[in-house]
Amino acid sequence: MKHLPRVKICGMRTAEDVELAVNCGADAVGFITEVPVNTPRKLDVQTASELIRNVPFFVNSVLVIMPEDGYQALDLIERTKPDIVQIHNDLSAEDIEIIRNGTHQKIIKAFTIPVESKELPSDMMTEIESLFGNDLIDGILLDSGKAGSSGGTGLVHDWSISRKVVENTDAPVILAGGLKPENVSDAVNEVRPFAVDTASGVETDGKKDPAKVCRFIEEARCING
């Protein structure tokens, strides 16, 4: 059976961004909230809460956070009430368990693949299987990173590494990192992820570009075989 990947458009900043992504057919929209990094897509809690509240039925709202601990995550989740929470830093299993026990939201854990890496990081699969096997997370996101970063670089990593992750875990895998309309079809056909995720890849001059958003979603669903 042919599998059509889900599509998440991340970095929502306005109600118009959300409407655009939904009208183009996005399955999920992401809200980068109160993160301790310099990004133009960062929202404060109040703005994120207002935007999330207006995400329509049948489209998932994803809160993207980099909390200091599980309790800070629970506070952000309670104040914004998303469908899904994406942990985009190296939060410990103990803190993720605090989140799991304190909320009903699905949990995505992001993992960073260095752009210069040619091999699957040795400890990554162990951590993925431990978290997923112990029912602490519901899926994983694979992002591209450079030394000292937590992803969000807009760079592409070696997709053969992501393919190995897909082949060796039962966890749903969301592919991110430098995806754009011009390469997302190739990425999907090589990696076969559960979903794909982009932010800067569908922007022009720092704003969501309607043509790019719609084309990205269309290209993501062009599956061979």
N, C-alpha and C. Protein backbone atom coordinates (compact mmCIF):
# COMPACT_ATOMS: atom_id res chain seq x y z
N MET A 1 0.84 -1.19 0.00
CA MET A 1 0.00 0.00 0.00
C MET A 1 0.89 1.25 0.00
N LYS A 2 0.57 2.20 -0.86
CA LYS A 2 1.34 3.44 -0.93
C LYS A 2 1.09 4.29 0.31
N HIS A 3 2.17 4.79 0.89
CA HIS A 3 2.07 5.63 2.08
C HIS A 3 2.31 7.08 1.72
N LEU A 4 1.33 7.92 2.00
CA LEU A 4 1.49 9.35 1.78
C LEU A 4 1.96 9.99 3.08
N PRO A 5 3.11 10.63 3.08
CA PRO A 5 3.62 11.21 4.32
C PRO A 5 2.77 12.39 4.78
N ARG A 6 2.66 12.53 6.08
CA ARG A 6 2.04 13.72 6.64
C ARG A 6 2.98 14.90 6.44
N VAL A 7 2.43 16.09 6.47
CA VAL A 7 3.25 17.29 6.26
C VAL A 7 2.99 18.29 7.38
N LYS A 8 4.08 18.74 8.00
CA LYS A 8 4.01 19.78 9.02
C LYS A 8 4.72 21.02 8.50
N ILE A 9 4.03 22.14 8.57
CA ILE A 9 4.64 23.43 8.25
C ILE A 9 4.91 24.13 9.58
N CYS A 10 6.17 24.39 9.86
CA CYS A 10 6.55 24.92 11.16
C CYS A 10 6.87 26.42 11.07
N GLY A 11 6.97 27.03 12.24
CA GLY A 11 7.32 28.44 12.29
C GLY A 11 6.16 29.37 12.01
N MET A 12 4.94 28.95 12.43
CA MET A 12 3.78 29.83 12.28
C MET A 12 3.97 31.08 13.16
N ARG A 13 3.68 32.25 12.56
CA ARG A 13 3.81 33.49 13.32
C ARG A 13 2.52 34.30 13.36
N THR A 14 1.66 34.06 12.40
CA THR A 14 0.42 34.85 12.30
C THR A 14 -0.75 33.95 11.96
N ALA A 15 -1.95 34.48 12.15
CA ALA A 15 -3.16 33.75 11.76
C ALA A 15 -3.16 33.50 10.26
N GLU A 16 -2.58 34.42 9.50
CA GLU A 16 -2.50 34.25 8.04
C GLU A 16 -1.59 33.09 7.67
N ASP A 17 -0.51 32.91 8.43
CA ASP A 17 0.37 31.75 8.20
C ASP A 17 -0.39 30.45 8.39
N VAL A 18 -1.15 30.38 9.47
CA VAL A 18 -1.91 29.17 9.76
C VAL A 18 -2.94 28.91 8.67
N GLU A 19 -3.66 29.93 8.28
CA GLU A 19 -4.68 29.78 7.24
C GLU A 19 -4.06 29.32 5.93
N LEU A 20 -2.91 29.88 5.59
CA LEU A 20 -2.21 29.48 4.36
C LEU A 20 -1.84 28.01 4.40
N ALA A 21 -1.20 27.57 5.48
CA ALA A 21 -0.78 26.18 5.58
C ALA A 21 -1.96 25.22 5.52
N VAL A 22 -3.02 25.56 6.22
CA VAL A 22 -4.21 24.71 6.23
C VAL A 22 -4.85 24.65 4.85
N ASN A 23 -4.98 25.78 4.20
CA ASN A 23 -5.61 25.82 2.88
C ASN A 23 -4.79 25.07 1.83
N CYS A 24 -3.48 24.99 2.03
CA CYS A 24 -2.62 24.25 1.10
C CYS A 24 -2.62 22.75 1.39
N GLY A 25 -3.20 22.36 2.53
CA GLY A 25 -3.33 20.94 2.83
C GLY A 25 -2.40 20.39 3.89
N ALA A 26 -1.83 21.25 4.73
CA ALA A 26 -0.94 20.78 5.79
C ALA A 26 -1.72 19.93 6.80
N ASP A 27 -1.05 18.89 7.29
CA ASP A 27 -1.64 18.05 8.33
C ASP A 27 -1.39 18.61 9.72
N ALA A 28 -0.31 19.38 9.85
CA ALA A 28 0.06 19.93 11.15
C ALA A 28 0.75 21.27 10.95
N VAL A 29 0.64 22.11 11.97
CA VAL A 29 1.31 23.41 11.95
C VAL A 29 2.06 23.57 13.27
N GLY A 30 3.29 24.12 13.19
CA GLY A 30 4.15 24.19 14.36
C GLY A 30 4.35 25.61 14.87
N PHE A 31 4.45 25.72 16.19
CA PHE A 31 4.59 27.01 16.85
C PHE A 31 5.82 26.97 17.76
N ILE A 32 6.87 27.66 17.36
CA ILE A 32 8.13 27.67 18.11
C ILE A 32 7.99 28.70 19.23
N THR A 33 7.99 28.21 20.46
CA THR A 33 7.55 29.04 21.58
C THR A 33 8.57 29.13 22.71
N GLU A 34 8.93 30.35 23.07
CA GLU A 34 9.79 30.62 24.23
C GLU A 34 11.10 29.82 24.19
N VAL A 35 11.69 29.67 23.02
CA VAL A 35 12.94 28.92 22.92
C VAL A 35 14.13 29.84 23.19
N PRO A 36 15.20 29.32 23.82
CA PRO A 36 16.34 30.16 24.18
C PRO A 36 17.36 30.31 23.06
N VAL A 37 16.87 30.46 21.84
CA VAL A 37 17.76 30.65 20.69
C VAL A 37 17.24 31.82 19.87
N ASN A 38 18.11 32.36 19.05
CA ASN A 38 17.74 33.51 18.24
C ASN A 38 17.12 33.05 16.93
N THR A 39 15.81 33.12 16.84
CA THR A 39 15.10 32.77 15.62
C THR A 39 13.95 33.74 15.41
N PRO A 40 13.75 34.20 14.18
CA PRO A 40 12.65 35.14 13.91
C PRO A 40 11.28 34.49 14.05
N ARG A 41 11.24 33.17 14.18
CA ARG A 41 9.95 32.46 14.27
C ARG A 41 9.52 32.23 15.72
N LYS A 42 10.28 32.73 16.67
CA LYS A 42 9.97 32.51 18.08
C LYS A 42 8.75 33.32 18.51
N LEU A 43 7.85 32.65 19.22
CA LEU A 43 6.64 33.28 19.73
C LEU A 43 6.67 33.35 21.25
N ASP A 44 5.97 34.33 21.81
CA ASP A 44 5.75 34.30 23.25
C ASP A 44 4.54 33.40 23.53
N VAL A 45 4.35 33.06 24.79
CA VAL A 45 3.30 32.11 25.15
C VAL A 45 1.91 32.62 24.77
N GLN A 46 1.65 33.88 25.00
CA GLN A 46 0.32 34.42 24.71
C GLN A 46 -0.01 34.34 23.22
N THR A 47 0.95 34.71 22.38
CA THR A 47 0.72 34.65 20.93
C THR A 47 0.52 33.21 20.48
N ALA A 48 1.37 32.32 20.98
CA ALA A 48 1.24 30.90 20.61
C ALA A 48 -0.11 30.36 21.02
N SER A 49 -0.55 30.69 22.22
CA SER A 49 -1.84 30.22 22.72
C SER A 49 -2.98 30.69 21.84
N GLU A 50 -2.95 31.95 21.44
CA GLU A 50 -4.01 32.51 20.60
C GLU A 50 -4.04 31.84 19.23
N LEU A 51 -2.86 31.62 18.65
CA LEU A 51 -2.82 30.99 17.33
C LEU A 51 -3.25 29.53 17.41
N ILE A 52 -2.78 28.82 18.43
CA ILE A 52 -3.14 27.40 18.59
C ILE A 52 -4.64 27.25 18.78
N ARG A 53 -5.23 28.15 19.52
CA ARG A 53 -6.67 28.08 19.78
C ARG A 53 -7.48 28.12 18.49
N ASN A 54 -6.94 28.74 17.46
CA ASN A 54 -7.68 28.91 16.21
C ASN A 54 -7.26 27.94 15.10
N VAL A 55 -6.44 26.96 15.44
CA VAL A 55 -6.12 25.92 14.46
C VAL A 55 -7.38 25.08 14.26
N PRO A 56 -7.81 24.87 13.02
CA PRO A 56 -9.09 24.18 12.80
C PRO A 56 -9.04 22.69 13.13
N PHE A 57 -10.21 22.16 13.34
CA PHE A 57 -10.41 20.73 13.58
C PHE A 57 -9.80 19.92 12.44
N PHE A 58 -9.19 18.78 12.80
CA PHE A 58 -8.54 17.86 11.86
C PHE A 58 -7.16 18.31 11.41
N VAL A 59 -6.65 19.41 11.96
CA VAL A 59 -5.27 19.82 11.74
C VAL A 59 -4.59 19.87 13.10
N ASN A 60 -3.43 19.22 13.23
CA ASN A 60 -2.75 19.17 14.52
C ASN A 60 -1.91 20.42 14.79
N SER A 61 -2.03 20.93 15.99
CA SER A 61 -1.17 22.02 16.44
C SER A 61 0.00 21.42 17.22
N VAL A 62 1.22 21.86 16.88
CA VAL A 62 2.43 21.31 17.50
C VAL A 62 3.19 22.43 18.20
N LEU A 63 3.34 22.29 19.51
CA LEU A 63 4.11 23.25 20.30
C LEU A 63 5.57 22.81 20.29
N VAL A 64 6.45 23.64 19.74
CA VAL A 64 7.88 23.33 19.66
C VAL A 64 8.60 24.10 20.76
N ILE A 65 9.21 23.36 21.69
CA ILE A 65 9.82 24.00 22.85
C ILE A 65 11.19 23.40 23.16
N MET A 66 11.97 24.15 23.92
CA MET A 66 13.29 23.70 24.39
C MET A 66 13.35 23.96 25.90
N PRO A 67 12.57 23.22 26.67
CA PRO A 67 12.43 23.51 28.10
C PRO A 67 13.66 23.15 28.91
N GLU A 68 13.83 23.83 30.03
CA GLU A 68 14.93 23.52 30.94
C GLU A 68 14.68 22.20 31.65
N ASP A 69 13.42 21.89 31.90
CA ASP A 69 13.08 20.64 32.58
C ASP A 69 11.63 20.28 32.28
N GLY A 70 11.20 19.15 32.81
CA GLY A 70 9.85 18.68 32.53
C GLY A 70 8.77 19.59 33.06
N TYR A 71 9.03 20.23 34.19
CA TYR A 71 8.01 21.09 34.79
C TYR A 71 7.80 22.37 33.98
N GLN A 72 8.88 22.91 33.43
CA GLN A 72 8.71 24.08 32.56
C GLN A 72 7.92 23.69 31.31
N ALA A 73 8.18 22.49 30.79
CA ALA A 73 7.43 22.01 29.64
C ALA A 73 5.94 21.90 29.96
N LEU A 74 5.63 21.34 31.13
CA LEU A 74 4.22 21.21 31.52
C LEU A 74 3.54 22.56 31.63
N ASP A 75 4.25 23.55 32.13
CA ASP A 75 3.69 24.90 32.25
C ASP A 75 3.37 25.47 30.87
N LEU A 76 4.29 25.31 29.92
CA LEU A 76 4.07 25.82 28.56
C LEU A 76 2.92 25.08 27.89
N ILE A 77 2.84 23.78 28.10
CA ILE A 77 1.77 22.98 27.51
C ILE A 77 0.42 23.40 28.07
N GLU A 78 0.36 23.58 29.38
CA GLU A 78 -0.89 23.97 30.03
C GLU A 78 -1.36 25.33 29.54
N ARG A 79 -0.44 26.23 29.29
CA ARG A 79 -0.80 27.59 28.90
C ARG A 79 -1.15 27.72 27.42
N THR A 80 -0.72 26.78 26.61
CA THR A 80 -0.98 26.88 25.17
C THR A 80 -1.94 25.83 24.64
N LYS A 81 -2.00 24.68 25.30
CA LYS A 81 -2.94 23.61 24.97
C LYS A 81 -2.86 23.13 23.51
N PRO A 82 -1.69 22.67 23.09
CA PRO A 82 -1.55 22.13 21.73
C PRO A 82 -2.04 20.69 21.67
N ASP A 83 -2.11 20.15 20.47
CA ASP A 83 -2.40 18.72 20.31
C ASP A 83 -1.16 17.87 20.59
N ILE A 84 0.00 18.40 20.20
CA ILE A 84 1.25 17.66 20.26
C ILE A 84 2.33 18.59 20.79
N VAL A 85 3.29 18.04 21.54
CA VAL A 85 4.43 18.83 21.98
C VAL A 85 5.70 18.23 21.39
N GLN A 86 6.54 19.08 20.84
CA GLN A 86 7.81 18.66 20.25
C GLN A 86 8.95 19.18 21.12
N ILE A 87 9.71 18.25 21.70
CA ILE A 87 10.85 18.59 22.54
C ILE A 87 12.07 18.71 21.64
N HIS A 88 12.60 19.92 21.51
CA HIS A 88 13.65 20.16 20.52
C HIS A 88 15.01 20.44 21.17
N ASN A 89 15.26 19.76 22.28
CA ASN A 89 16.58 19.83 22.89
C ASN A 89 16.89 18.51 23.58
N ASP A 90 18.00 18.46 24.31
CA ASP A 90 18.44 17.21 24.91
C ASP A 90 17.87 17.01 26.31
N LEU A 91 16.57 17.05 26.42
CA LEU A 91 15.92 16.83 27.70
C LEU A 91 16.11 15.37 28.12
N SER A 92 16.32 15.15 29.40
CA SER A 92 16.58 13.81 29.91
C SER A 92 15.33 12.95 29.87
N ALA A 93 15.53 11.64 29.91
CA ALA A 93 14.40 10.71 29.95
C ALA A 93 13.54 10.95 31.19
N GLU A 94 14.18 11.31 32.29
CA GLU A 94 13.44 11.57 33.53
C GLU A 94 12.51 12.77 33.36
N ASP A 95 12.99 13.80 32.68
CA ASP A 95 12.14 14.97 32.45
C ASP A 95 11.04 14.67 31.44
N ILE A 96 11.35 13.87 30.44
CA ILE A 96 10.32 13.49 29.48
C ILE A 96 9.24 12.66 30.17
N GLU A 97 9.64 11.84 31.12
CA GLU A 97 8.66 11.06 31.89
C GLU A 97 7.74 11.97 32.70
N ILE A 98 8.29 13.06 33.22
CA ILE A 98 7.46 14.04 33.94
C ILE A 98 6.40 14.61 33.00
N ILE A 99 6.80 14.91 31.77
CA ILE A 99 5.85 15.43 30.78
C ILE A 99 4.79 14.37 30.47
N ARG A 100 5.24 13.16 30.24
CA ARG A 100 4.33 12.06 29.89
C ARG A 100 3.28 11.86 30.97
N ASN A 101 3.72 11.89 32.21
CA ASN A 101 2.81 11.63 33.32
C ASN A 101 1.92 12.83 33.65
N GLY A 102 2.28 14.00 33.14
CA GLY A 102 1.54 15.20 33.52
C GLY A 102 0.63 15.78 32.46
N THR A 103 0.58 15.13 31.29
CA THR A 103 -0.22 15.68 30.20
C THR A 103 -0.73 14.57 29.30
N HIS A 104 -1.78 14.88 28.53
CA HIS A 104 -2.32 13.89 27.59
C HIS A 104 -1.77 14.09 26.18
N GLN A 105 -1.03 15.15 25.96
CA GLN A 105 -0.54 15.45 24.61
C GLN A 105 0.45 14.40 24.11
N LYS A 106 0.42 14.15 22.81
CA LYS A 106 1.43 13.30 22.19
C LYS A 106 2.78 14.02 22.25
N ILE A 107 3.86 13.23 22.32
CA ILE A 107 5.19 13.80 22.48
C ILE A 107 6.10 13.37 21.33
N ILE A 108 6.71 14.36 20.68
CA ILE A 108 7.74 14.13 19.66
C ILE A 108 9.08 14.56 20.26
N LYS A 109 10.09 13.72 20.09
CA LYS A 109 11.44 14.08 20.55
C LYS A 109 12.32 14.29 19.34
N ALA A 110 12.95 15.45 19.27
CA ALA A 110 13.84 15.76 18.15
C ALA A 110 15.24 15.22 18.40
N PHE A 111 15.85 14.71 17.34
CA PHE A 111 17.24 14.25 17.37
C PHE A 111 17.98 14.96 16.24
N THR A 112 19.22 15.33 16.52
CA THR A 112 20.01 16.08 15.54
C THR A 112 21.03 15.17 14.87
N ILE A 113 21.04 15.19 13.54
CA ILE A 113 22.05 14.49 12.75
C ILE A 113 23.02 15.53 12.22
N PRO A 114 24.28 15.48 12.61
CA PRO A 114 25.25 16.47 12.13
C PRO A 114 25.34 16.46 10.60
N VAL A 115 25.38 17.64 10.00
CA VAL A 115 25.40 17.71 8.54
C VAL A 115 26.66 17.08 7.96
N GLU A 116 27.73 17.02 8.74
CA GLU A 116 28.98 16.44 8.25
C GLU A 116 29.07 14.93 8.49
N SER A 117 28.08 14.37 9.20
CA SER A 117 28.14 12.95 9.57
C SER A 117 27.83 12.05 8.38
N LYS A 118 28.56 10.95 8.28
CA LYS A 118 28.33 9.93 7.25
C LYS A 118 27.83 8.62 7.86
N GLU A 119 27.77 8.59 9.19
CA GLU A 119 27.34 7.38 9.89
C GLU A 119 26.24 7.73 10.89
N LEU A 120 25.40 6.75 11.16
CA LEU A 120 24.37 6.92 12.18
C LEU A 120 25.04 7.06 13.54
N PRO A 121 24.80 8.16 14.26
CA PRO A 121 25.40 8.32 15.58
C PRO A 121 25.13 7.10 16.46
N SER A 122 26.17 6.55 17.06
CA SER A 122 26.09 5.25 17.72
C SER A 122 25.07 5.19 18.85
N ASP A 123 24.91 6.29 19.57
CA ASP A 123 24.02 6.25 20.71
C ASP A 123 22.59 6.68 20.38
N MET A 124 22.35 7.15 19.15
CA MET A 124 21.04 7.67 18.81
C MET A 124 19.97 6.59 18.83
N MET A 125 20.23 5.46 18.19
CA MET A 125 19.23 4.40 18.14
C MET A 125 18.94 3.85 19.53
N THR A 126 19.97 3.77 20.37
CA THR A 126 19.77 3.29 21.73
C THR A 126 18.80 4.19 22.48
N GLU A 127 19.00 5.50 22.35
CA GLU A 127 18.12 6.45 23.04
C GLU A 127 16.71 6.41 22.46
N ILE A 128 16.61 6.34 21.14
CA ILE A 128 15.29 6.28 20.50
C ILE A 128 14.52 5.06 20.99
N GLU A 129 15.16 3.91 20.96
CA GLU A 129 14.48 2.68 21.35
C GLU A 129 14.13 2.67 22.83
N SER A 130 14.97 3.28 23.65
CA SER A 130 14.67 3.36 25.08
C SER A 130 13.45 4.24 25.33
N LEU A 131 13.43 5.41 24.73
CA LEU A 131 12.31 6.34 24.93
C LEU A 131 11.01 5.79 24.35
N PHE A 132 11.08 5.28 23.12
CA PHE A 132 9.86 4.79 22.47
C PHE A 132 9.42 3.47 23.09
N GLY A 133 10.38 2.61 23.38
CA GLY A 133 10.06 1.31 23.97
C GLY A 133 9.45 1.41 25.34
N ASN A 134 9.79 2.47 26.08
CA ASN A 134 9.23 2.68 27.41
C ASN A 134 8.03 3.62 27.39
N ASP A 135 7.50 3.87 26.19
CA ASP A 135 6.28 4.66 26.02
C ASP A 135 6.41 6.07 26.58
N LEU A 136 7.60 6.65 26.43
CA LEU A 136 7.80 8.03 26.87
C LEU A 136 7.58 9.03 25.73
N ILE A 137 7.68 8.57 24.49
CA ILE A 137 7.46 9.42 23.33
C ILE A 137 6.58 8.69 22.32
N ASP A 138 5.99 9.46 21.41
CA ASP A 138 5.12 8.89 20.39
C ASP A 138 5.74 8.92 19.00
N GLY A 139 6.81 9.67 18.84
CA GLY A 139 7.48 9.76 17.55
C GLY A 139 8.76 10.55 17.69
N ILE A 140 9.57 10.53 16.63
CA ILE A 140 10.83 11.27 16.64
C ILE A 140 10.92 12.16 15.42
N LEU A 141 11.68 13.24 15.57
CA LEU A 141 11.97 14.14 14.45
C LEU A 141 13.47 14.17 14.23
N LEU A 142 13.88 14.00 12.99
CA LEU A 142 15.30 14.03 12.64
C LEU A 142 15.61 15.35 11.96
N ASP A 143 16.42 16.17 12.61
CA ASP A 143 16.78 17.48 12.09
C ASP A 143 18.26 17.51 11.77
N SER A 144 18.67 18.48 10.99
CA SER A 144 20.09 18.66 10.67
C SER A 144 20.71 19.62 11.67
N GLY A 145 21.97 19.36 12.02
CA GLY A 145 22.62 20.25 12.96
C GLY A 145 24.09 20.44 12.67
N LYS A 146 24.61 21.53 13.19
CA LYS A 146 26.04 21.78 13.19
C LYS A 146 26.50 21.74 14.64
N ALA A 147 27.80 21.75 14.85
CA ALA A 147 28.34 21.71 16.20
C ALA A 147 27.73 22.82 17.05
N GLY A 148 27.17 22.41 18.20
CA GLY A 148 26.62 23.39 19.12
C GLY A 148 25.20 23.81 18.83
N SER A 149 24.56 23.22 17.81
CA SER A 149 23.19 23.60 17.47
C SER A 149 22.23 22.49 17.85
N SER A 150 20.94 22.85 17.94
CA SER A 150 19.89 21.88 18.20
C SER A 150 18.98 21.74 16.99
N GLY A 151 19.55 21.90 15.81
CA GLY A 151 18.75 21.81 14.60
C GLY A 151 18.28 23.19 14.17
N GLY A 152 17.30 23.19 13.26
CA GLY A 152 16.79 24.45 12.76
C GLY A 152 17.79 25.23 11.94
N THR A 153 18.73 24.52 11.31
CA THR A 153 19.79 25.19 10.56
C THR A 153 19.41 25.48 9.12
N GLY A 154 18.37 24.80 8.61
CA GLY A 154 18.02 24.94 7.20
C GLY A 154 18.96 24.18 6.29
N LEU A 155 19.78 23.31 6.88
CA LEU A 155 20.74 22.52 6.11
C LEU A 155 20.26 21.09 5.96
N VAL A 156 20.73 20.42 4.91
CA VAL A 156 20.37 19.03 4.64
C VAL A 156 21.45 18.12 5.22
N HIS A 157 21.03 17.04 5.87
CA HIS A 157 21.98 16.03 6.31
C HIS A 157 21.93 14.84 5.34
N ASP A 158 22.76 13.85 5.59
CA ASP A 158 22.83 12.66 4.74
C ASP A 158 21.57 11.83 4.94
N TRP A 159 20.70 11.80 3.93
CA TRP A 159 19.43 11.10 4.07
C TRP A 159 19.58 9.60 4.25
N SER A 160 20.70 9.04 3.85
CA SER A 160 20.89 7.60 4.06
C SER A 160 20.91 7.27 5.55
N ILE A 161 21.35 8.23 6.36
CA ILE A 161 21.34 8.02 7.81
C ILE A 161 19.90 7.99 8.32
N SER A 162 19.09 8.93 7.85
CA SER A 162 17.68 8.95 8.25
C SER A 162 16.97 7.68 7.79
N ARG A 163 17.32 7.19 6.62
CA ARG A 163 16.71 5.95 6.12
C ARG A 163 17.04 4.79 7.05
N LYS A 164 18.27 4.75 7.57
CA LYS A 164 18.66 3.69 8.51
C LYS A 164 17.83 3.77 9.79
N VAL A 165 17.56 4.99 10.23
CA VAL A 165 16.72 5.14 11.42
C VAL A 165 15.33 4.60 11.15
N VAL A 166 14.74 4.98 10.02
CA VAL A 166 13.40 4.50 9.65
C VAL A 166 13.36 2.98 9.62
N GLU A 167 14.41 2.37 9.07
CA GLU A 167 14.45 0.92 8.92
C GLU A 167 14.66 0.19 10.24
N ASN A 168 15.14 0.91 11.25
CA ASN A 168 15.52 0.23 12.49
C ASN A 168 14.72 0.65 13.72
N THR A 169 13.61 1.33 13.50
CA THR A 169 12.75 1.68 14.62
C THR A 169 11.29 1.56 14.23
N ASP A 170 10.46 1.26 15.22
CA ASP A 170 9.01 1.26 15.00
C ASP A 170 8.40 2.63 15.27
N ALA A 171 9.21 3.54 15.77
CA ALA A 171 8.70 4.89 16.06
C ALA A 171 8.43 5.64 14.77
N PRO A 172 7.33 6.36 14.67
CA PRO A 172 7.10 7.22 13.50
C PRO A 172 8.23 8.25 13.39
N VAL A 173 8.77 8.40 12.18
CA VAL A 173 9.90 9.30 11.96
C VAL A 173 9.46 10.50 11.13
N ILE A 174 9.72 11.68 11.65
CA ILE A 174 9.44 12.92 10.94
C ILE A 174 10.77 13.46 10.43
N LEU A 175 10.88 13.66 9.14
CA LEU A 175 12.13 14.13 8.54
C LEU A 175 12.10 15.65 8.40
N ALA A 176 13.17 16.29 8.88
CA ALA A 176 13.33 17.74 8.76
C ALA A 176 14.77 18.03 8.36
N GLY A 177 15.07 19.31 8.24
CA GLY A 177 16.44 19.70 7.93
C GLY A 177 16.64 20.06 6.47
N GLY A 178 16.49 21.34 6.15
CA GLY A 178 16.78 21.80 4.80
C GLY A 178 15.80 21.37 3.73
N LEU A 179 14.62 20.92 4.13
CA LEU A 179 13.64 20.48 3.13
C LEU A 179 12.93 21.69 2.52
N LYS A 180 12.73 21.60 1.20
CA LYS A 180 12.08 22.68 0.45
C LYS A 180 11.37 22.06 -0.74
N PRO A 181 10.58 22.84 -1.48
CA PRO A 181 9.83 22.25 -2.59
C PRO A 181 10.71 21.52 -3.60
N GLU A 182 11.94 21.98 -3.79
CA GLU A 182 12.82 21.40 -4.80
C GLU A 182 13.40 20.05 -4.41
N ASN A 183 13.43 19.72 -3.12
CA ASN A 183 14.07 18.46 -2.73
C ASN A 183 13.21 17.52 -1.90
N VAL A 184 12.01 17.96 -1.49
CA VAL A 184 11.24 17.14 -0.57
C VAL A 184 10.78 15.83 -1.19
N SER A 185 10.46 15.82 -2.48
CA SER A 185 10.05 14.57 -3.12
C SER A 185 11.18 13.55 -3.10
N ASP A 186 12.39 13.99 -3.42
CA ASP A 186 13.54 13.08 -3.37
C ASP A 186 13.77 12.58 -1.94
N ALA A 187 13.61 13.46 -0.97
CA ALA A 187 13.81 13.07 0.43
C ALA A 187 12.81 12.01 0.85
N VAL A 188 11.55 12.21 0.49
CA VAL A 188 10.51 11.26 0.86
C VAL A 188 10.75 9.91 0.21
N ASN A 189 11.12 9.92 -1.06
CA ASN A 189 11.34 8.66 -1.76
C ASN A 189 12.57 7.91 -1.27
N GLU A 190 13.57 8.63 -0.77
CA GLU A 190 14.76 7.96 -0.24
C GLU A 190 14.57 7.49 1.20
N VAL A 191 13.98 8.34 2.02
CA VAL A 191 13.91 8.04 3.46
C VAL A 191 12.64 7.28 3.84
N ARG A 192 11.54 7.54 3.18
CA ARG A 192 10.23 6.96 3.49
C ARG A 192 9.80 7.28 4.92
N PRO A 193 9.79 8.56 5.28
CA PRO A 193 9.41 8.93 6.65
C PRO A 193 7.90 8.90 6.85
N PHE A 194 7.50 8.94 8.10
CA PHE A 194 6.09 9.07 8.44
C PHE A 194 5.58 10.45 8.05
N ALA A 195 6.45 11.45 8.21
CA ALA A 195 6.06 12.83 7.92
C ALA A 195 7.29 13.65 7.57
N VAL A 196 7.05 14.82 6.98
CA VAL A 196 8.13 15.77 6.70
C VAL A 196 7.78 17.11 7.34
N ASP A 197 8.81 17.90 7.59
CA ASP A 197 8.65 19.15 8.34
C ASP A 197 9.56 20.21 7.73
N THR A 198 9.02 21.40 7.55
CA THR A 198 9.83 22.51 7.05
C THR A 198 9.40 23.82 7.67
N ALA A 199 10.31 24.78 7.69
CA ALA A 199 9.99 26.13 8.15
C ALA A 199 10.56 27.13 7.15
N SER A 200 11.89 27.32 7.18
CA SER A 200 12.51 28.29 6.28
C SER A 200 12.43 27.87 4.82
N GLY A 201 12.24 26.57 4.57
CA GLY A 201 12.19 26.07 3.19
C GLY A 201 11.00 26.54 2.39
N VAL A 202 10.01 27.12 3.07
CA VAL A 202 8.83 27.63 2.35
C VAL A 202 8.65 29.12 2.60
N GLU A 203 9.78 29.80 2.81
CA GLU A 203 9.73 31.24 3.06
C GLU A 203 10.47 32.02 1.97
N THR A 204 10.04 33.24 1.76
CA THR A 204 10.74 34.21 0.92
C THR A 204 10.87 35.50 1.72
N ASP A 205 12.09 35.96 1.86
CA ASP A 205 12.35 37.17 2.65
C ASP A 205 11.78 37.07 4.06
N GLY A 206 11.91 35.86 4.65
CA GLY A 206 11.51 35.67 6.03
C GLY A 206 10.03 35.48 6.28
N LYS A 207 9.23 35.40 5.22
CA LYS A 207 7.79 35.22 5.38
C LYS A 207 7.33 33.98 4.61
N LYS A 208 6.29 33.34 5.13
CA LYS A 208 5.74 32.18 4.45
C LYS A 208 5.25 32.58 3.06
N ASP A 209 5.71 31.84 2.05
CA ASP A 209 5.42 32.13 0.65
C ASP A 209 4.30 31.19 0.19
N PRO A 210 3.13 31.71 -0.17
CA PRO A 210 2.01 30.84 -0.54
C PRO A 210 2.35 29.82 -1.61
N ALA A 211 3.06 30.23 -2.65
CA ALA A 211 3.40 29.29 -3.72
C ALA A 211 4.32 28.19 -3.22
N LYS A 212 5.28 28.55 -2.37
CA LYS A 212 6.22 27.55 -1.85
C LYS A 212 5.54 26.58 -0.88
N VAL A 213 4.66 27.10 -0.04
CA VAL A 213 3.96 26.23 0.91
C VAL A 213 3.13 25.20 0.16
N CYS A 214 2.34 25.65 -0.79
CA CYS A 214 1.48 24.72 -1.53
C CYS A 214 2.30 23.74 -2.36
N ARG A 215 3.36 24.22 -2.99
CA ARG A 215 4.18 23.32 -3.80
C ARG A 215 4.90 22.30 -2.92
N PHE A 216 5.37 22.71 -1.75
CA PHE A 216 6.04 21.78 -0.85
C PHE A 216 5.11 20.62 -0.49
N ILE A 217 3.89 20.95 -0.14
CA ILE A 217 2.94 19.91 0.25
C ILE A 217 2.63 18.99 -0.93
N GLU A 218 2.47 19.56 -2.10
CA GLU A 218 2.22 18.74 -3.30
C GLU A 218 3.40 17.82 -3.59
N GLU A 219 4.61 18.36 -3.55
CA GLU A 219 5.80 17.57 -3.86
C GLU A 219 6.05 16.49 -2.82
N ALA A 220 5.71 16.77 -1.57
CA ALA A 220 5.92 15.78 -0.51
C ALA A 220 5.10 14.53 -0.74
N ARG A 221 4.03 14.67 -1.48
CA ARG A 221 3.12 13.54 -1.70
C ARG A 221 3.30 12.90 -3.07
N CYS A 222 4.41 13.23 -3.74
CA CYS A 222 4.75 12.60 -5.02
C CYS A 222 5.63 11.38 -4.73
N ILE A 223 5.00 10.25 -4.53
CA ILE A 223 5.71 9.04 -4.10
C ILE A 223 5.91 8.10 -5.27
N ASN A 224 7.12 7.55 -5.38
CA ASN A 224 7.42 6.54 -6.40
C ASN A 224 7.30 5.15 -5.79
N GLY A 225 6.54 4.30 -6.46
CA GLY A 225 6.46 2.90 -6.03
C GLY A 225 5.66 2.70 -4.76
